[in-house]
Amino acid sequence: MKRYHVIVEGQVQGVGFRGFVMLQAQRRRLTGTVKNMSNGMVEIFVQGEEKQIDDFLAAVAKGDGRFIRVDDITVKQTEVIPDEKKFTYGWY
């Protein structure tokens, strides 16, 4: 079990990115949060098995092929939250 703090830069607000991220996480049975930041970036905390997280990050980096454009992703490992049960929207 791993947990990562992810910051995504690009055209990621106002284009359905948080919903896209949530869907990608749920498909892989990952937990965590996604939220818009006041600086135009998006913050993600994602937790689960490393293979599923790797697949998730690849999908997030690719975007939806339409409106979302990811320019940069920063990923840092962080402490696992043992009782986390689902993936949700967060608020800034």
Protein backbone atom coordinates (compact mmCIF):
# COMPACT_ATOMS: atom_id res chain seq x y z
CA MET A 1 0.00 0.00 0.00
CA LYS A 2 1.35 3.41 -1.02
CA ARG A 3 0.09 7.00 -0.88
CA TYR A 4 1.20 9.90 -3.06
CA HIS A 5 0.69 13.65 -3.06
CA VAL A 6 0.33 14.79 -6.68
CA ILE A 7 0.26 18.33 -8.12
CA VAL A 8 -0.95 18.68 -11.71
CA GLU A 9 -0.30 21.74 -13.86
CA GLY A 10 -1.84 22.65 -17.22
CA GLN A 11 -5.37 23.17 -18.46
CA VAL A 12 -6.89 21.29 -15.54
CA GLN A 13 -9.60 23.58 -14.15
CA GLY A 14 -12.98 24.18 -15.76
CA VAL A 15 -12.56 21.22 -18.12
CA GLY A 16 -13.94 18.29 -16.07
CA PHE A 17 -10.54 17.22 -14.80
CA ARG A 18 -11.59 16.45 -11.22
CA GLY A 19 -14.39 14.19 -12.44
CA PHE A 20 -11.99 12.51 -14.85
CA VAL A 21 -9.48 11.94 -12.02
CA MET A 22 -12.19 10.57 -9.73
CA LEU A 23 -13.37 8.12 -12.41
CA GLN A 24 -9.81 6.92 -13.07
CA ALA A 25 -9.25 6.36 -9.34
CA GLN A 26 -12.55 4.54 -8.84
CA ARG A 27 -11.89 2.24 -11.80
CA ARG A 28 -8.68 1.16 -10.08
CA ARG A 29 -10.20 0.95 -6.56
CA LEU A 30 -7.92 3.70 -5.26
CA THR A 31 -8.73 6.06 -2.40
CA GLY A 32 -7.87 9.72 -1.85
CA THR A 33 -9.00 13.19 -2.86
CA VAL A 34 -8.81 15.61 -5.77
CA LYS A 35 -9.26 19.37 -5.46
CA ASN A 36 -8.69 22.56 -7.38
CA MET A 37 -6.08 24.90 -5.96
CA SER A 38 -6.40 28.68 -5.99
CA ASN A 39 -3.31 28.94 -8.26
CA GLY A 40 -4.97 27.03 -11.15
CA MET A 41 -3.33 23.69 -10.40
CA VAL A 42 -5.02 20.55 -9.10
CA GLU A 43 -3.95 18.62 -5.99
CA ILE A 44 -4.46 14.87 -5.71
CA PHE A 45 -3.85 12.48 -2.84
CA VAL A 46 -4.02 8.90 -4.10
CA GLN A 47 -3.64 5.69 -2.15
CA GLY A 48 -3.62 2.01 -3.08
CA GLU A 49 -1.49 -0.68 -4.65
CA GLU A 50 1.52 0.59 -6.59
CA LYS A 51 0.57 -1.00 -9.95
CA GLN A 52 -2.89 0.60 -9.87
CA ILE A 53 -1.39 3.95 -8.88
CA ASP A 54 1.11 3.75 -11.75
CA ASP A 55 -1.76 3.05 -14.18
CA PHE A 56 -3.77 5.90 -12.64
CA LEU A 57 -0.90 8.39 -12.98
CA ALA A 58 -0.36 7.40 -16.61
CA ALA A 59 -4.06 7.99 -17.36
CA VAL A 60 -4.04 11.33 -15.54
CA ALA A 61 -0.94 12.47 -17.45
CA LYS A 62 -2.58 11.56 -20.76
CA GLY A 63 -5.84 13.37 -19.96
CA ASP A 64 -9.09 12.80 -21.81
CA GLY A 65 -7.78 13.65 -25.28
CA ARG A 66 -10.25 16.53 -25.61
CA PHE A 67 -10.22 19.47 -23.22
CA ILE A 68 -7.74 18.47 -20.53
CA ARG A 69 -4.06 19.32 -21.08
CA VAL A 70 -1.51 18.22 -18.51
CA ASP A 71 1.80 20.10 -18.71
CA ASP A 72 3.52 18.79 -15.57
CA ILE A 73 2.94 16.37 -12.71
CA THR A 74 4.84 16.38 -9.42
CA VAL A 75 4.56 13.19 -7.36
CA LYS A 76 5.82 12.71 -3.81
CA GLN A 77 5.27 9.73 -1.56
CA THR A 78 3.50 10.49 1.71
CA GLU A 79 2.16 8.64 4.74
CA VAL A 80 -0.61 6.06 4.21
CA ILE A 81 -3.99 6.76 5.84
CA PRO A 82 -5.09 3.32 7.08
CA ASP A 83 -8.84 4.03 7.43
CA GLU A 84 -9.40 5.82 4.11
CA LYS A 85 -12.31 4.13 2.29
CA LYS A 86 -13.05 6.06 -0.92
CA PHE A 87 -11.94 8.68 -3.44
CA THR A 88 -13.66 12.07 -3.06
CA TYR A 89 -13.66 15.68 -4.15
CA GLY A 90 -11.83 17.99 -1.78
CA TRP A 91 -12.25 21.75 -1.49
CA TYR A 92 -9.64 24.49 -1.18
